[in-house]
C-alpha atoms as a PDB file:
ATOM      1  CA  MET A   1      -8.401 -95.728-140.660  1.00  0.00           C
ATOM      2  CA  GLN A   2      -7.609 -98.966-139.584  1.00  0.00           C
ATOM      3  CA  GLN A   3      -6.089 -99.950-136.409  1.00  0.00           C
ATOM      4  CA  PRO A   4      -3.341-102.639-136.047  1.00  0.00           C
ATOM      5  CA  GLU A   5      -3.682-105.305-133.499  1.00  0.00           C
ATOM      6  CA  GLY A   6      -1.413-103.261-131.032  1.00  0.00           C
ATOM      7  CA  GLY A   7      -4.188-100.777-130.693  1.00  0.00           C
ATOM      8  CA  GLN A   8      -2.112 -98.172-132.178  1.00  0.00           C
ATOM      9  CA  PRO A   9      -4.059 -95.656-134.637  1.00  0.00           C
ATOM     10  CA  LEU A  10      -2.786 -95.342-138.448  1.00  0.00           C
ATOM     11  CA  ASP A  11      -2.403 -92.148-140.243  1.00  0.00           C
ATOM     12  CA  ARG A  12      -3.414 -91.803-143.773  1.00  0.00           C
ATOM     13  CA  GLN A  13      -0.324 -93.379-145.080  1.00  0.00           C
ATOM     14  CA  GLU A  14      -1.005 -96.368-143.257  1.00  0.00           C
ATOM     15  CA  ARG A  15       2.064 -95.529-140.550  1.00  0.00           C
ATOM     16  CA  THR A  16       1.390 -96.078-136.949  1.00  0.00           C
ATOM     17  CA  THR A  17       1.040 -93.054-134.745  1.00  0.00           C
ATOM     18  CA  LYS A  18       1.541 -92.596-131.175  1.00  0.00           C
ATOM     19  CA  VAL A  19      -1.464 -91.391-129.017  1.00  0.00           C
ATOM     20  CA  MET A  20      -0.205 -88.615-126.664  1.00  0.00           C
ATOM     21  CA  PRO A  21      -1.956 -88.175-123.507  1.00  0.00           C
ATOM     22  CA  VAL A  22      -3.906 -84.934-123.343  1.00  0.00           C
ATOM     23  CA  GLU A  23      -3.975 -83.029-120.375  1.00  0.00           C
ATOM     24  CA  SER A  24      -6.558 -80.763-119.440  1.00  0.00           C
ATOM     25  CA  GLN A  25      -5.019 -77.209-119.251  1.00  0.00           C
ATOM     26  CA  ALA A  26      -6.789 -74.055-118.150  1.00  0.00           C
ATOM     27  CA  PRO A  27      -7.028 -71.318-120.361  1.00  0.00           C
ATOM     28  CA  PRO A  28      -4.362 -68.959-119.787  1.00  0.00           C
ATOM     29  CA  ILE A  29      -5.277 -65.984-117.721  1.00  0.00           C
ATOM     30  CA  TYR A  30      -4.496 -62.511-119.297  1.00  0.00           C
ATOM     31  CA  GLN A  31      -4.132 -59.687-116.806  1.00  0.00           C
ATOM     32  CA  VAL A  32      -5.260 -56.233-118.202  1.00  0.00           C
ATOM     33  CA  ARG A  33      -4.097 -53.038-116.777  1.00  0.00           C
ATOM     34  CA  MET A  34      -6.786 -51.187-114.879  1.00  0.00           C
ATOM     35  CA  GLN A  35      -7.312 -47.798-116.674  1.00  0.00           C
ATOM     36  CA  PRO A  36      -7.885 -44.785-114.501  1.00  0.00           C
ATOM     37  CA  PRO A  37     -11.718 -43.750-114.304  1.00  0.00           C
ATOM     38  CA  GLU A  38     -12.984 -41.220-116.649  1.00  0.00           C
ATOM     39  CA  PRO A  39     -12.973 -37.832-115.136  1.00  0.00           C
ATOM     40  CA  VAL A  40     -16.207 -36.340-114.568  1.00  0.00           C
ATOM     41  CA  ARG A  41     -16.960 -33.419-117.077  1.00  0.00           C
ATOM     42  CA  PRO A  42     -18.568 -30.718-115.700  1.00  0.00           C
ATOM     43  CA  SER A  43     -22.080 -29.883-117.189  1.00  0.00           C
ATOM     44  CA  GLY A  44     -24.268 -27.161-117.396  1.00  0.00           C
ATOM     45  CA  PRO A  45     -23.706 -23.316-117.787  1.00  0.00           C
ATOM     46  CA  SER A  46     -20.386 -21.957-116.520  1.00  0.00           C
ATOM     47  CA  MET A  47     -20.643 -19.183-114.022  1.00  0.00           C
ATOM     48  CA  PRO A  48     -17.416 -17.405-114.809  1.00  0.00           C
ATOM     49  CA  THR A  49     -18.163 -17.257-118.503  1.00  0.00           C
ATOM     50  CA  ILE A  50     -21.759 -16.084-117.942  1.00  0.00           C
ATOM     51  CA  ILE A  51     -20.075 -13.309-115.616  1.00  0.00           C
ATOM     52  CA  PHE A  52     -17.565 -12.310-118.039  1.00  0.00           C
ATOM     53  CA  GLY A  53     -19.995 -12.065-120.735  1.00  0.00           C
ATOM     54  CA  ILE A  54     -22.261  -9.775-118.462  1.00  0.00           C
ATOM     55  CA  LEU A  55     -19.262  -7.389-117.836  1.00  0.00           C
ATOM     56  CA  VAL A  56     -18.215  -7.314-121.783  1.00  0.00           C
ATOM     57  CA  GLY A  57     -21.955  -6.629-122.339  1.00  0.00           C
ATOM     58  CA  LEU A  58     -21.880  -3.737-120.095  1.00  0.00           C
ATOM     59  CA  LEU A  59     -18.625  -2.410-121.277  1.00  0.00           C
ATOM     60  CA  ALA A  60     -20.112  -2.381-124.913  1.00  0.00           C
ATOM     61  CA  LEU A  61     -23.210  -0.752-123.684  1.00  0.00           C
ATOM     62  CA  THR A  62     -21.228   2.113-122.129  1.00  0.00           C
ATOM     63  CA  MET A  63     -18.842   2.574-125.099  1.00  0.00           C
ATOM     64  CA  LEU A  64     -22.232   2.702-127.323  1.00  0.00           C
ATOM     65  CA  ALA A  65     -23.496   5.231-124.955  1.00  0.00           C
ATOM     66  CA  LEU A  66     -20.539   7.395-124.785  1.00  0.00           C
ATOM     67  CA  GLY A  67     -20.130   7.057-128.823  1.00  0.00           C
ATOM     68  CA  LEU A  68     -23.730   8.234-129.029  1.00  0.00           C
ATOM     69  CA  VAL A  69     -23.232  11.200-126.690  1.00  0.00           C
ATOM     70  CA  PHE A  70     -19.885  12.343-128.522  1.00  0.00           C
ATOM     71  CA  LEU A  71     -21.997  12.139-131.755  1.00  0.00           C
ATOM     72  CA  ARG A  72     -24.559  14.508-130.340  1.00  0.00           C
ATOM     73  CA  TYR A  73     -22.100  17.096-128.437  1.00  0.00           C
ATOM     74  CA  GLY A  74     -19.044  16.547-130.553  1.00  0.00           C
ATOM     75  CA  THR A  75     -15.583  17.604-129.078  1.00  0.00           C
ATOM     76  CA  ASP A  76     -17.531  20.038-126.766  1.00  0.00           C
ATOM     77  CA  LEU A  77     -17.870  16.705-124.762  1.00  0.00           C
ATOM     78  CA  THR A  78     -14.045  16.804-123.675  1.00  0.00           C
ATOM     79  CA  LEU A  79     -14.499  20.175-122.215  1.00  0.00           C
ATOM     80  CA  VAL A  80     -17.607  19.451-120.429  1.00  0.00           C
ATOM     81  CA  ILE A  81     -16.877  15.814-118.755  1.00  0.00           C
ATOM     82  CA  PRO A  82     -13.866  15.550-116.443  1.00  0.00           C
ATOM     83  CA  TRP A  83     -12.487  12.469-118.130  1.00  0.00           C
ATOM     84  CA  GLN A  84      -9.359  12.459-115.663  1.00  0.00           C
ATOM     85  CA  ARG A  85     -11.712  11.735-112.857  1.00  0.00           C
ATOM     86  CA  ILE A  86     -14.450   9.555-114.710  1.00  0.00           C
ATOM     87  CA  ILE A  87     -12.002   6.884-116.227  1.00  0.00           C
ATOM     88  CA  PRO A  88     -10.161   6.228-113.124  1.00  0.00           C
ATOM     89  CA  LEU A  89     -13.563   5.589-111.311  1.00  0.00           C
ATOM     90  CA  ILE A  90     -14.851   3.341-114.242  1.00  0.00           C
ATOM     91  CA  PHE A  91     -11.660   0.955-113.783  1.00  0.00           C
ATOM     92  CA  ALA A  92     -12.170   1.274-109.886  1.00  0.00           C
ATOM     93  CA  GLY A  93     -15.759   0.239-110.298  1.00  0.00           C
ATOM     94  CA  LEU A  94     -14.598  -2.732-112.544  1.00  0.00           C
ATOM     95  CA  GLY A  95     -12.191  -3.965-110.313  1.00  0.00           C
ATOM     96  CA  VAL A  96     -14.574  -4.010-107.371  1.00  0.00           C
ATOM     97  CA  VAL A  97     -17.162  -6.175-109.433  1.00  0.00           C
ATOM     98  CA  LEU A  98     -14.382  -8.369-110.305  1.00  0.00           C
ATOM     99  CA  ILE A  99     -13.075  -8.947-106.761  1.00  0.00           C
ATOM    100  CA  VAL A 100     -16.611  -9.447-105.489  1.00  0.00           C
ATOM    101  CA  ALA A 101     -17.159 -12.151-108.426  1.00  0.00           C
ATOM    102  CA  ALA A 102     -13.838 -13.827-107.438  1.00  0.00           C
ATOM    103  CA  ILE A 103     -14.792 -13.934-103.581  1.00  0.00           C
ATOM    104  CA  SER A 104     -18.266 -15.186-104.224  1.00  0.00           C
ATOM    105  CA  THR A 105     -16.764 -17.780-106.874  1.00  0.00           C
ATOM    106  CA  TRP A 106     -14.453 -18.800-103.999  1.00  0.00           C
ATOM    107  CA  LEU A 107     -17.072 -19.070-101.447  1.00  0.00           C
ATOM    108  CA  ALA A 108     -19.181 -21.205-103.662  1.00  0.00           C
ATOM    109  CA  SER A 109     -16.396 -23.521-104.481  1.00  0.00           C
ATOM    110  CA  THR A 110     -15.561 -24.087-100.801  1.00  0.00           C
ATOM    111  CA  LYS A 111     -19.108 -24.670-100.055  1.00  0.00           C
ATOM    112  CA  HIS A 112     -19.216 -27.198-102.785  1.00  0.00           C
ATOM    113  CA  VAL A 113     -16.010 -29.106-101.616  1.00  0.00           C
ATOM    114  CA  ARG A 114     -17.435 -29.144 -98.296  1.00  0.00           C
ATOM    115  CA  HIS A 115     -20.614 -30.479 -99.560  1.00  0.00           C
ATOM    116  CA  ASP A 116     -18.810 -33.326-101.567  1.00  0.00           C
ATOM    117  CA  SER A 117     -16.748 -34.426 -98.390  1.00  0.00           C
ATOM    118  CA  LYS A 118     -19.826 -34.697 -96.324  1.00  0.00           C
ATOM    119  CA  ASP A 119     -21.368 -37.099 -98.635  1.00  0.00           C
ATOM    120  CA  GLN A 120     -18.190 -39.504 -98.848  1.00  0.00           C
ATOM    121  CA  ASP A 121     -18.520 -40.004 -94.826  1.00  0.00           C
ATOM    122  CA  ILE A 122     -21.123 -42.498 -94.306  1.00  0.00           C
ATOM    123  CA  PRO A 123     -21.797 -43.506 -90.896  1.00  0.00           C
ATOM    124  CA  GLU A 124     -21.492 -47.226 -90.189  1.00  0.00           C
ATOM    125  CA  ASP A 125     -25.289 -47.346 -89.139  1.00  0.00           C
ATOM    126  CA  GLN A 126     -26.465 -45.734 -92.212  1.00  0.00           C
ATOM    127  CA  ALA A 127     -24.275 -48.044 -94.312  1.00  0.00           C
ATOM    128  CA  ALA A 128     -25.590 -51.141 -92.560  1.00  0.00           C
ATOM    129  CA  LYS A 129     -29.195 -49.890 -93.230  1.00  0.00           C
ATOM    130  CA  ASP A 130     -28.281 -49.439 -96.995  1.00  0.00           C
ATOM    131  CA  GLY A 131     -26.764 -52.573 -97.224  1.00  0.00           C
ATOM    132  CA  GLN A 132     -23.349 -51.453 -98.101  1.00  0.00           C
END
């Protein structure tokens, strides 16, 4: 490319082109929405599931024992054992076990919440010592 005497550059077809002043522009800033933090997923064994499994296992063992007893004694078993008293006692015992499990789970969760709230309150002298 040749330049004419006026200092204007020529393009390929030998036409005069104007030089446009180039302003330095900062690249555009894109704002990204903040995504909420990922929830903390619980890990490890689930106590309610374990307790439920134990209760179902106990119920299965009880039914197995009753089935074996029924095989041994047959229909005479219904005359010997007062089922009208035993079945309500079984359900009452199961209810007591479930209530105790619910209360212990509630107490454990309140202790866990109280423990977490203590970790969040950092005294000023401790924060200064840690460099926070």
